Amino acid sequence: MTTEEMIEQHARPLTMELDFADEPRTETHAEPDEAGVNTEEPRSKKEQIVAYYQSGVTDIAQIVRRVGARPSYVAQVLQGAGLISGYFDLYTTTAREQNVYTRFFRNVLSFKTVEAAKESVRRIDRLYNYFERLGDRAGQHQAMVLALTGKNRARWSGKQEESEIFNEWLATH
C-alpha cells in the first residue's frame, strides 16, 4: 500500500465526521432506523447507544449522529458497558490505567478546595521534576497532561480559583 493510499484510507473517517459536524440537529422520528432502534421510545440515551452498538453500528460517529450525544459520552457509555476498551479523555477517572505512567499519578489530582489544588500541583511538580532528572520527556508530558486535566475539570466545575492554580503551574512548564 502506498503512502497516498494509507492517507486516503485513514482520512475517510475524519471526513465523514466533519460532514456530520455541519449537519443541523434533527428531531427523532417514530419509525425504527436501519438498526431496528426506535428513537421515539422512552429509552435513555445510554440504552440507545448500547442498542445501536449491539445491533452492529460500531462506528462511534454514526452512533453520535443518531443519538445526538457527544462522542466522549458515547465512548464512555460503550466502555462502561464493556463493549469497547482503551478510551480515555478529560473526564476519564485517573484511577484507571491509561499507560505506564498512570501508577505514578494515581490519586494525585484533587481540586475540592484551593488547598487540595495546591497540594495536587506540588505533587505533580515533584513528579515532573523526577521525570526531568531521569530525562523522561514522556513522564514530564504525563505530568503536564494531569495538570491540564485538573485545570479543565476545576474550570468546568465552576472552581475558577482552583483552576487558576493548575494554570499557573502549566504556564511555567
N, C-alpha and C. Protein backbone atom coordinates (compact mmCIF):
# COMPACT_ATOMS: atom_id res chain seq x y z
N MET A 1 0.85 -1.18 0.00
CA MET A 1 0.00 0.00 0.00
C MET A 1 0.89 1.23 0.00
N THR A 2 0.59 2.15 -0.87
CA THR A 2 1.37 3.37 -0.96
C THR A 2 1.00 4.33 0.18
N THR A 3 1.86 5.30 0.39
CA THR A 3 1.59 6.31 1.41
C THR A 3 0.29 7.05 1.11
N GLU A 4 0.08 7.37 -0.16
CA GLU A 4 -1.14 8.08 -0.55
C GLU A 4 -2.38 7.25 -0.23
N GLU A 5 -2.30 5.94 -0.48
CA GLU A 5 -3.45 5.06 -0.19
C GLU A 5 -3.71 4.99 1.31
N MET A 6 -2.63 4.94 2.09
CA MET A 6 -2.79 4.90 3.55
C MET A 6 -3.44 6.19 4.05
N ILE A 7 -2.98 7.31 3.53
CA ILE A 7 -3.56 8.59 3.94
C ILE A 7 -5.03 8.64 3.57
N GLU A 8 -5.35 8.22 2.35
CA GLU A 8 -6.75 8.21 1.90
C GLU A 8 -7.60 7.32 2.80
N GLN A 9 -7.08 6.14 3.13
CA GLN A 9 -7.84 5.20 3.96
C GLN A 9 -8.10 5.78 5.34
N HIS A 10 -7.10 6.42 5.93
CA HIS A 10 -7.25 6.96 7.28
C HIS A 10 -7.97 8.30 7.31
N ALA A 11 -8.04 8.99 6.19
CA ALA A 11 -8.70 10.30 6.16
C ALA A 11 -10.21 10.15 6.03
N ARG A 12 -10.69 9.05 5.49
CA ARG A 12 -12.12 8.89 5.27
C ARG A 12 -12.96 9.06 6.53
N PRO A 13 -12.65 8.38 7.64
CA PRO A 13 -13.50 8.57 8.82
C PRO A 13 -13.52 10.02 9.30
N LEU A 14 -12.38 10.70 9.24
CA LEU A 14 -12.34 12.09 9.67
C LEU A 14 -13.23 12.95 8.77
N THR A 15 -13.16 12.73 7.47
CA THR A 15 -14.00 13.48 6.54
C THR A 15 -15.46 13.24 6.87
N MET A 16 -15.83 11.97 7.12
CA MET A 16 -17.21 11.64 7.43
C MET A 16 -17.65 12.37 8.70
N GLU A 17 -16.80 12.36 9.73
CA GLU A 17 -17.15 13.01 10.98
C GLU A 17 -17.26 14.51 10.80
N LEU A 18 -16.42 15.09 9.97
CA LEU A 18 -16.52 16.53 9.71
C LEU A 18 -17.81 16.84 8.96
N ASP A 19 -18.23 15.95 8.07
CA ASP A 19 -19.51 16.14 7.39
C ASP A 19 -20.65 16.16 8.40
N PHE A 20 -20.58 15.29 9.40
CA PHE A 20 -21.62 15.23 10.42
C PHE A 20 -21.65 16.53 11.22
N ALA A 21 -20.50 17.13 11.43
CA ALA A 21 -20.43 18.34 12.24
C ALA A 21 -21.22 19.48 11.64
N ASP A 22 -21.37 19.48 10.32
CA ASP A 22 -22.09 20.56 9.66
C ASP A 22 -23.60 20.35 9.63
N GLU A 23 -24.05 19.15 9.96
CA GLU A 23 -25.48 18.87 9.90
C GLU A 23 -26.21 19.49 11.08
N PRO A 24 -27.39 20.03 10.83
CA PRO A 24 -28.17 20.55 11.96
C PRO A 24 -28.70 19.40 12.78
N ARG A 25 -28.95 19.64 14.04
CA ARG A 25 -29.55 18.63 14.90
C ARG A 25 -30.94 18.33 14.42
N THR A 26 -31.27 17.07 14.35
CA THR A 26 -32.61 16.69 13.89
C THR A 26 -33.38 16.07 15.04
N GLU A 27 -34.68 16.21 14.97
CA GLU A 27 -35.55 15.61 15.97
C GLU A 27 -35.70 14.13 15.68
N THR A 28 -36.04 13.36 16.69
CA THR A 28 -36.22 11.93 16.50
C THR A 28 -37.52 11.66 15.78
N HIS A 29 -37.62 10.48 15.20
CA HIS A 29 -38.83 10.10 14.50
C HIS A 29 -39.32 8.76 15.02
N ALA A 30 -40.55 8.42 14.71
CA ALA A 30 -41.20 7.26 15.30
C ALA A 30 -40.80 5.94 14.67
N GLU A 31 -40.34 5.93 13.41
CA GLU A 31 -40.02 4.67 12.78
C GLU A 31 -38.63 4.20 13.17
N PRO A 32 -38.48 2.87 13.28
CA PRO A 32 -37.14 2.34 13.58
C PRO A 32 -36.19 2.63 12.42
N ASP A 33 -34.94 2.85 12.75
CA ASP A 33 -33.96 3.07 11.70
C ASP A 33 -33.43 1.73 11.20
N GLU A 34 -32.40 1.78 10.36
CA GLU A 34 -31.90 0.53 9.77
C GLU A 34 -31.34 -0.45 10.80
N ALA A 35 -30.99 0.03 11.99
CA ALA A 35 -30.52 -0.86 13.05
C ALA A 35 -31.68 -1.43 13.85
N GLY A 36 -32.90 -1.00 13.52
CA GLY A 36 -34.07 -1.51 14.23
C GLY A 36 -34.33 -0.81 15.54
N VAL A 37 -33.66 0.32 15.79
CA VAL A 37 -33.83 1.05 17.04
C VAL A 37 -34.87 2.13 16.84
N ASN A 38 -35.92 2.09 17.65
CA ASN A 38 -36.97 3.10 17.58
C ASN A 38 -36.52 4.27 18.44
N THR A 39 -36.20 5.39 17.80
CA THR A 39 -35.64 6.53 18.52
C THR A 39 -36.70 7.32 19.28
N GLU A 40 -37.96 6.99 19.10
CA GLU A 40 -39.03 7.71 19.79
C GLU A 40 -39.39 7.04 21.11
N GLU A 41 -38.95 5.79 21.30
CA GLU A 41 -39.27 5.10 22.54
C GLU A 41 -38.71 5.88 23.72
N PRO A 42 -39.35 5.77 24.87
CA PRO A 42 -38.83 6.48 26.05
C PRO A 42 -37.62 5.74 26.62
N ARG A 43 -36.57 5.59 25.79
CA ARG A 43 -35.35 4.94 26.21
C ARG A 43 -34.32 6.01 26.53
N SER A 44 -33.47 5.69 27.45
CA SER A 44 -32.41 6.64 27.76
C SER A 44 -31.39 6.65 26.62
N LYS A 45 -30.58 7.71 26.59
CA LYS A 45 -29.53 7.76 25.57
C LYS A 45 -28.57 6.60 25.75
N LYS A 46 -28.28 6.25 26.99
CA LYS A 46 -27.39 5.12 27.25
C LYS A 46 -27.94 3.85 26.63
N GLU A 47 -29.22 3.60 26.83
CA GLU A 47 -29.84 2.40 26.26
C GLU A 47 -29.79 2.43 24.74
N GLN A 48 -30.04 3.59 24.16
CA GLN A 48 -29.99 3.72 22.70
C GLN A 48 -28.58 3.45 22.18
N ILE A 49 -27.59 4.01 22.85
CA ILE A 49 -26.19 3.84 22.43
C ILE A 49 -25.81 2.36 22.44
N VAL A 50 -26.13 1.69 23.53
CA VAL A 50 -25.81 0.27 23.65
C VAL A 50 -26.57 -0.53 22.60
N ALA A 51 -27.84 -0.20 22.39
CA ALA A 51 -28.65 -0.92 21.39
C ALA A 51 -28.06 -0.76 19.99
N TYR A 52 -27.67 0.45 19.63
CA TYR A 52 -27.06 0.66 18.32
C TYR A 52 -25.81 -0.19 18.17
N TYR A 53 -24.94 -0.13 19.17
CA TYR A 53 -23.68 -0.86 19.09
C TYR A 53 -23.93 -2.36 18.96
N GLN A 54 -24.82 -2.87 19.79
CA GLN A 54 -25.11 -4.30 19.77
C GLN A 54 -25.80 -4.74 18.49
N SER A 55 -26.47 -3.81 17.81
CA SER A 55 -27.14 -4.16 16.55
C SER A 55 -26.18 -4.11 15.37
N GLY A 56 -24.93 -3.73 15.62
CA GLY A 56 -23.94 -3.73 14.55
C GLY A 56 -23.43 -2.36 14.15
N VAL A 57 -23.97 -1.30 14.70
CA VAL A 57 -23.48 0.05 14.40
C VAL A 57 -22.34 0.31 15.38
N THR A 58 -21.11 0.01 14.94
CA THR A 58 -19.97 0.11 15.84
C THR A 58 -19.14 1.37 15.63
N ASP A 59 -19.48 2.16 14.63
CA ASP A 59 -18.78 3.41 14.39
C ASP A 59 -19.34 4.48 15.33
N ILE A 60 -18.50 4.97 16.21
CA ILE A 60 -18.95 5.94 17.22
C ILE A 60 -19.54 7.18 16.56
N ALA A 61 -18.97 7.62 15.44
CA ALA A 61 -19.50 8.80 14.75
C ALA A 61 -20.94 8.56 14.29
N GLN A 62 -21.23 7.36 13.84
CA GLN A 62 -22.60 7.03 13.42
C GLN A 62 -23.55 7.06 14.61
N ILE A 63 -23.12 6.51 15.73
CA ILE A 63 -23.97 6.50 16.93
C ILE A 63 -24.19 7.92 17.42
N VAL A 64 -23.15 8.73 17.42
CA VAL A 64 -23.25 10.14 17.81
C VAL A 64 -24.31 10.83 16.97
N ARG A 65 -24.24 10.61 15.70
CA ARG A 65 -25.18 11.24 14.76
C ARG A 65 -26.61 10.82 15.05
N ARG A 66 -26.83 9.55 15.32
CA ARG A 66 -28.19 9.03 15.52
C ARG A 66 -28.78 9.40 16.86
N VAL A 67 -27.95 9.43 17.89
CA VAL A 67 -28.45 9.69 19.24
C VAL A 67 -28.40 11.17 19.59
N GLY A 68 -27.50 11.92 18.96
CA GLY A 68 -27.37 13.34 19.27
C GLY A 68 -26.61 13.58 20.56
N ALA A 69 -25.62 12.73 20.83
CA ALA A 69 -24.81 12.86 22.04
C ALA A 69 -23.38 13.23 21.65
N ARG A 70 -22.60 13.64 22.64
CA ARG A 70 -21.20 13.95 22.41
C ARG A 70 -20.42 12.65 22.16
N PRO A 71 -19.38 12.68 21.32
CA PRO A 71 -18.57 11.49 21.09
C PRO A 71 -17.98 10.92 22.39
N SER A 72 -17.54 11.80 23.28
CA SER A 72 -16.96 11.33 24.53
C SER A 72 -17.99 10.59 25.38
N TYR A 73 -19.23 11.06 25.37
CA TYR A 73 -20.29 10.40 26.12
C TYR A 73 -20.57 9.02 25.55
N VAL A 74 -20.67 8.93 24.23
CA VAL A 74 -20.92 7.64 23.58
C VAL A 74 -19.81 6.66 23.92
N ALA A 75 -18.57 7.10 23.81
CA ALA A 75 -17.44 6.22 24.10
C ALA A 75 -17.43 5.78 25.57
N GLN A 76 -17.75 6.69 26.48
CA GLN A 76 -17.78 6.33 27.90
C GLN A 76 -18.88 5.32 28.19
N VAL A 77 -20.04 5.49 27.58
CA VAL A 77 -21.14 4.55 27.77
C VAL A 77 -20.74 3.17 27.26
N LEU A 78 -20.16 3.12 26.06
CA LEU A 78 -19.76 1.84 25.48
C LEU A 78 -18.66 1.18 26.31
N GLN A 79 -17.73 1.97 26.81
CA GLN A 79 -16.67 1.40 27.65
C GLN A 79 -17.25 0.90 28.98
N GLY A 80 -18.17 1.67 29.56
CA GLY A 80 -18.82 1.27 30.81
C GLY A 80 -19.62 -0.01 30.66
N ALA A 81 -20.16 -0.23 29.46
CA ALA A 81 -20.94 -1.45 29.18
C ALA A 81 -20.04 -2.62 28.79
N GLY A 82 -18.73 -2.37 28.74
CA GLY A 82 -17.80 -3.44 28.38
C GLY A 82 -17.75 -3.75 26.89
N LEU A 83 -18.25 -2.84 26.07
CA LEU A 83 -18.30 -3.08 24.63
C LEU A 83 -17.05 -2.60 23.90
N ILE A 84 -16.35 -1.61 24.47
CA ILE A 84 -15.07 -1.16 23.93
C ILE A 84 -14.12 -0.98 25.10
N SER A 85 -12.84 -0.87 24.81
CA SER A 85 -11.87 -0.63 25.87
C SER A 85 -10.81 0.33 25.35
N GLY A 86 -10.07 0.91 26.27
CA GLY A 86 -8.98 1.79 25.89
C GLY A 86 -9.36 3.22 25.61
N TYR A 87 -10.58 3.63 25.96
CA TYR A 87 -10.98 5.01 25.72
C TYR A 87 -10.62 5.88 26.92
N PHE A 88 -9.99 7.03 26.66
CA PHE A 88 -9.64 7.98 27.71
C PHE A 88 -9.88 9.38 27.21
N ASP A 89 -10.34 10.25 28.10
CA ASP A 89 -10.50 11.66 27.77
C ASP A 89 -10.37 12.48 29.03
N LEU A 90 -10.70 13.73 28.94
CA LEU A 90 -10.58 14.66 30.06
C LEU A 90 -11.31 14.19 31.30
N TYR A 91 -12.44 13.53 31.14
CA TYR A 91 -13.25 13.16 32.28
C TYR A 91 -13.10 11.71 32.70
N THR A 92 -12.20 10.96 32.06
CA THR A 92 -11.94 9.60 32.47
C THR A 92 -11.23 9.64 33.81
N THR A 93 -11.63 8.78 34.71
CA THR A 93 -11.02 8.77 36.03
C THR A 93 -9.51 8.53 35.96
N THR A 94 -8.75 9.20 36.81
CA THR A 94 -7.31 8.99 36.82
C THR A 94 -6.94 7.71 37.56
N ALA A 95 -7.93 7.02 38.14
CA ALA A 95 -7.67 5.74 38.81
C ALA A 95 -7.54 4.60 37.80
N ARG A 96 -8.02 4.79 36.59
CA ARG A 96 -7.96 3.75 35.56
C ARG A 96 -6.61 3.80 34.86
N GLU A 97 -6.04 2.63 34.61
CA GLU A 97 -4.75 2.54 33.91
C GLU A 97 -4.89 3.08 32.49
N GLN A 98 -4.12 4.09 32.16
CA GLN A 98 -4.11 4.63 30.81
C GLN A 98 -2.82 4.29 30.09
N ASN A 99 -1.72 4.29 30.84
CA ASN A 99 -0.41 3.98 30.28
C ASN A 99 0.53 3.63 31.44
N VAL A 100 1.80 3.45 31.15
CA VAL A 100 2.75 3.03 32.18
C VAL A 100 2.97 4.09 33.26
N TYR A 101 2.60 5.32 33.00
CA TYR A 101 2.80 6.40 33.97
C TYR A 101 1.64 6.54 34.96
N THR A 102 0.54 5.91 34.67
CA THR A 102 -0.66 6.09 35.48
C THR A 102 -0.40 5.81 36.95
N ARG A 103 0.35 4.78 37.25
CA ARG A 103 0.56 4.43 38.66
C ARG A 103 1.29 5.53 39.44
N PHE A 104 2.12 6.31 38.75
CA PHE A 104 2.82 7.41 39.41
C PHE A 104 1.85 8.53 39.81
N PHE A 105 0.79 8.68 39.02
CA PHE A 105 -0.11 9.82 39.18
C PHE A 105 -1.44 9.46 39.85
N ARG A 106 -1.59 8.21 40.26
CA ARG A 106 -2.85 7.78 40.88
C ARG A 106 -3.10 8.58 42.16
N ASN A 107 -4.30 9.08 42.31
CA ASN A 107 -4.75 9.83 43.49
C ASN A 107 -4.00 11.15 43.71
N VAL A 108 -3.38 11.67 42.68
CA VAL A 108 -2.67 12.95 42.79
C VAL A 108 -3.60 14.12 42.54
N LEU A 109 -4.58 13.95 41.68
CA LEU A 109 -5.43 15.05 41.24
C LEU A 109 -6.59 15.30 42.20
N SER A 110 -6.66 16.54 42.70
CA SER A 110 -7.77 16.96 43.54
C SER A 110 -7.92 18.47 43.43
N PHE A 111 -9.16 18.92 43.40
CA PHE A 111 -9.42 20.36 43.34
C PHE A 111 -10.66 20.71 44.14
N LYS A 112 -10.93 19.90 45.17
CA LYS A 112 -12.12 20.17 46.01
C LYS A 112 -12.02 21.52 46.69
N THR A 113 -10.82 21.86 47.09
CA THR A 113 -10.57 23.15 47.73
C THR A 113 -9.32 23.77 47.12
N VAL A 114 -9.07 25.01 47.44
CA VAL A 114 -7.86 25.67 46.98
C VAL A 114 -6.64 24.94 47.52
N GLU A 115 -6.68 24.56 48.77
CA GLU A 115 -5.54 23.85 49.37
C GLU A 115 -5.33 22.49 48.71
N ALA A 116 -6.40 21.78 48.39
CA ALA A 116 -6.28 20.49 47.70
C ALA A 116 -5.66 20.68 46.32
N ALA A 117 -6.04 21.73 45.62
CA ALA A 117 -5.46 22.02 44.30
C ALA A 117 -3.97 22.35 44.43
N LYS A 118 -3.62 23.12 45.45
CA LYS A 118 -2.20 23.45 45.67
C LYS A 118 -1.39 22.19 45.96
N GLU A 119 -1.94 21.31 46.78
CA GLU A 119 -1.26 20.05 47.09
C GLU A 119 -1.10 19.19 45.84
N SER A 120 -2.12 19.16 45.01
CA SER A 120 -2.03 18.42 43.74
C SER A 120 -0.90 18.96 42.88
N VAL A 121 -0.84 20.27 42.77
CA VAL A 121 0.21 20.89 41.95
C VAL A 121 1.58 20.60 42.54
N ARG A 122 1.72 20.60 43.86
CA ARG A 122 3.01 20.26 44.49
C ARG A 122 3.41 18.83 44.11
N ARG A 123 2.47 17.91 44.17
CA ARG A 123 2.75 16.51 43.84
C ARG A 123 3.05 16.35 42.35
N ILE A 124 2.30 17.02 41.51
CA ILE A 124 2.55 16.97 40.06
C ILE A 124 3.94 17.52 39.77
N ASP A 125 4.30 18.62 40.43
CA ASP A 125 5.60 19.24 40.22
C ASP A 125 6.73 18.31 40.64
N ARG A 126 6.56 17.64 41.77
CA ARG A 126 7.59 16.67 42.22
C ARG A 126 7.77 15.57 41.19
N LEU A 127 6.67 15.06 40.64
CA LEU A 127 6.76 14.01 39.63
C LEU A 127 7.37 14.55 38.34
N TYR A 128 6.99 15.74 37.96
CA TYR A 128 7.55 16.37 36.77
C TYR A 128 9.07 16.48 36.91
N ASN A 129 9.54 16.95 38.07
CA ASN A 129 10.98 17.11 38.31
C ASN A 129 11.69 15.75 38.36
N TYR A 130 11.03 14.76 38.91
CA TYR A 130 11.58 13.40 38.94
C TYR A 130 11.82 12.91 37.51
N PHE A 131 10.81 13.04 36.66
CA PHE A 131 10.96 12.59 35.28
C PHE A 131 11.98 13.44 34.53
N GLU A 132 12.09 14.71 34.89
CA GLU A 132 13.10 15.56 34.26
C GLU A 132 14.50 15.05 34.60
N ARG A 133 14.74 14.69 35.88
CA ARG A 133 16.04 14.15 36.29
C ARG A 133 16.37 12.86 35.54
N LEU A 134 15.34 12.07 35.24
CA LEU A 134 15.55 10.82 34.50
C LEU A 134 15.71 11.06 33.00
N GLY A 135 15.42 12.27 32.55
CA GLY A 135 15.43 12.55 31.12
C GLY A 135 14.25 11.91 30.41
N ASP A 136 13.16 11.73 31.15
CA ASP A 136 11.97 11.06 30.63
C ASP A 136 10.93 12.10 30.22
N ARG A 137 11.00 12.52 28.97
CA ARG A 137 10.08 13.55 28.47
C ARG A 137 8.63 13.08 28.47
N ALA A 138 8.41 11.78 28.23
CA ALA A 138 7.05 11.25 28.25
C ALA A 138 6.45 11.35 29.65
N GLY A 139 7.25 11.12 30.68
CA GLY A 139 6.78 11.26 32.06
C GLY A 139 6.45 12.71 32.38
N GLN A 140 7.30 13.63 31.90
CA GLN A 140 7.03 15.05 32.09
C GLN A 140 5.73 15.44 31.38
N HIS A 141 5.56 14.92 30.19
CA HIS A 141 4.34 15.21 29.44
C HIS A 141 3.12 14.71 30.20
N GLN A 142 3.21 13.54 30.79
CA GLN A 142 2.08 13.00 31.55
C GLN A 142 1.75 13.92 32.74
N ALA A 143 2.77 14.48 33.38
CA ALA A 143 2.54 15.42 34.47
C ALA A 143 1.79 16.65 33.96
N MET A 144 2.19 17.14 32.79
CA MET A 144 1.53 18.31 32.21
C MET A 144 0.08 17.99 31.82
N VAL A 145 -0.13 16.80 31.30
CA VAL A 145 -1.49 16.38 30.95
C VAL A 145 -2.37 16.34 32.20
N LEU A 146 -1.83 15.82 33.29
CA LEU A 146 -2.62 15.76 34.53
C LEU A 146 -2.93 17.16 35.05
N ALA A 147 -1.96 18.06 34.96
CA ALA A 147 -2.22 19.45 35.39
C ALA A 147 -3.28 20.09 34.50
N LEU A 148 -3.22 19.84 33.20
CA LEU A 148 -4.23 20.39 32.29
C LEU A 148 -5.60 19.79 32.60
N THR A 149 -5.63 18.51 32.92
CA THR A 149 -6.88 17.86 33.30
C THR A 149 -7.45 18.52 34.56
N GLY A 150 -6.59 18.75 35.55
CA GLY A 150 -7.03 19.42 36.77
C GLY A 150 -7.56 20.81 36.49
N LYS A 151 -6.85 21.55 35.66
CA LYS A 151 -7.28 22.90 35.30
C LYS A 151 -8.67 22.88 34.67
N ASN A 152 -8.84 22.00 33.68
CA ASN A 152 -10.11 21.96 32.96
C ASN A 152 -11.25 21.42 33.80
N ARG A 153 -10.99 20.39 34.57
CA ARG A 153 -12.06 19.84 35.42
C ARG A 153 -12.51 20.87 36.45
N ALA A 154 -11.55 21.56 37.05
CA ALA A 154 -11.91 22.59 38.03
C ALA A 154 -12.69 23.71 37.36
N ARG A 155 -12.21 24.12 36.22
CA ARG A 155 -12.88 25.21 35.48
C ARG A 155 -14.32 24.85 35.14
N TRP A 156 -14.53 23.66 34.62
CA TRP A 156 -15.88 23.26 34.22
C TRP A 156 -16.75 22.90 35.41
N SER A 157 -16.15 22.80 36.58
CA SER A 157 -16.92 22.59 37.81
C SER A 157 -17.22 23.91 38.50
N GLY A 158 -16.83 25.00 37.87
CA GLY A 158 -17.09 26.32 38.44
C GLY A 158 -16.10 26.72 39.52
N LYS A 159 -14.98 26.07 39.59
CA LYS A 159 -13.96 26.37 40.61
C LYS A 159 -12.81 27.13 39.95
N GLN A 160 -13.03 28.40 39.73
CA GLN A 160 -12.07 29.21 38.99
C GLN A 160 -10.74 29.39 39.73
N GLU A 161 -10.81 29.58 41.02
CA GLU A 161 -9.57 29.78 41.79
C GLU A 161 -8.71 28.52 41.76
N GLU A 162 -9.35 27.37 41.90
CA GLU A 162 -8.64 26.10 41.85
C GLU A 162 -8.06 25.88 40.46
N SER A 163 -8.83 26.22 39.43
CA SER A 163 -8.38 26.08 38.05
C SER A 163 -7.14 26.94 37.80
N GLU A 164 -7.14 28.13 38.34
CA GLU A 164 -6.02 29.05 38.14
C GLU A 164 -4.72 28.51 38.76
N ILE A 165 -4.82 27.75 39.83
CA ILE A 165 -3.63 27.16 40.46
C ILE A 165 -2.93 26.22 39.48
N PHE A 166 -3.72 25.37 38.80
CA PHE A 166 -3.16 24.47 37.80
C PHE A 166 -2.63 25.26 36.60
N ASN A 167 -3.37 26.29 36.21
CA ASN A 167 -2.98 27.11 35.07
C ASN A 167 -1.64 27.80 35.31
N GLU A 168 -1.43 28.32 36.50
CA GLU A 168 -0.17 28.99 36.82
C GLU A 168 1.00 28.03 36.71
N TRP A 169 0.80 26.78 37.20
CA TRP A 169 1.88 25.79 37.09
C TRP A 169 2.15 25.49 35.63
N LEU A 170 1.11 25.29 34.85
CA LEU A 170 1.28 24.98 33.43
C LEU A 170 2.02 26.11 32.70
N ALA A 171 1.74 27.35 33.05
CA ALA A 171 2.36 28.48 32.38
C ALA A 171 3.87 28.53 32.61
N THR A 172 4.34 27.90 33.66
CA THR A 172 5.79 27.92 33.95
C THR A 172 6.51 26.65 33.51
N HIS A 173 5.78 25.74 32.90
CA HIS A 173 6.41 24.47 32.49
C HIS A 173 6.28 24.19 31.04
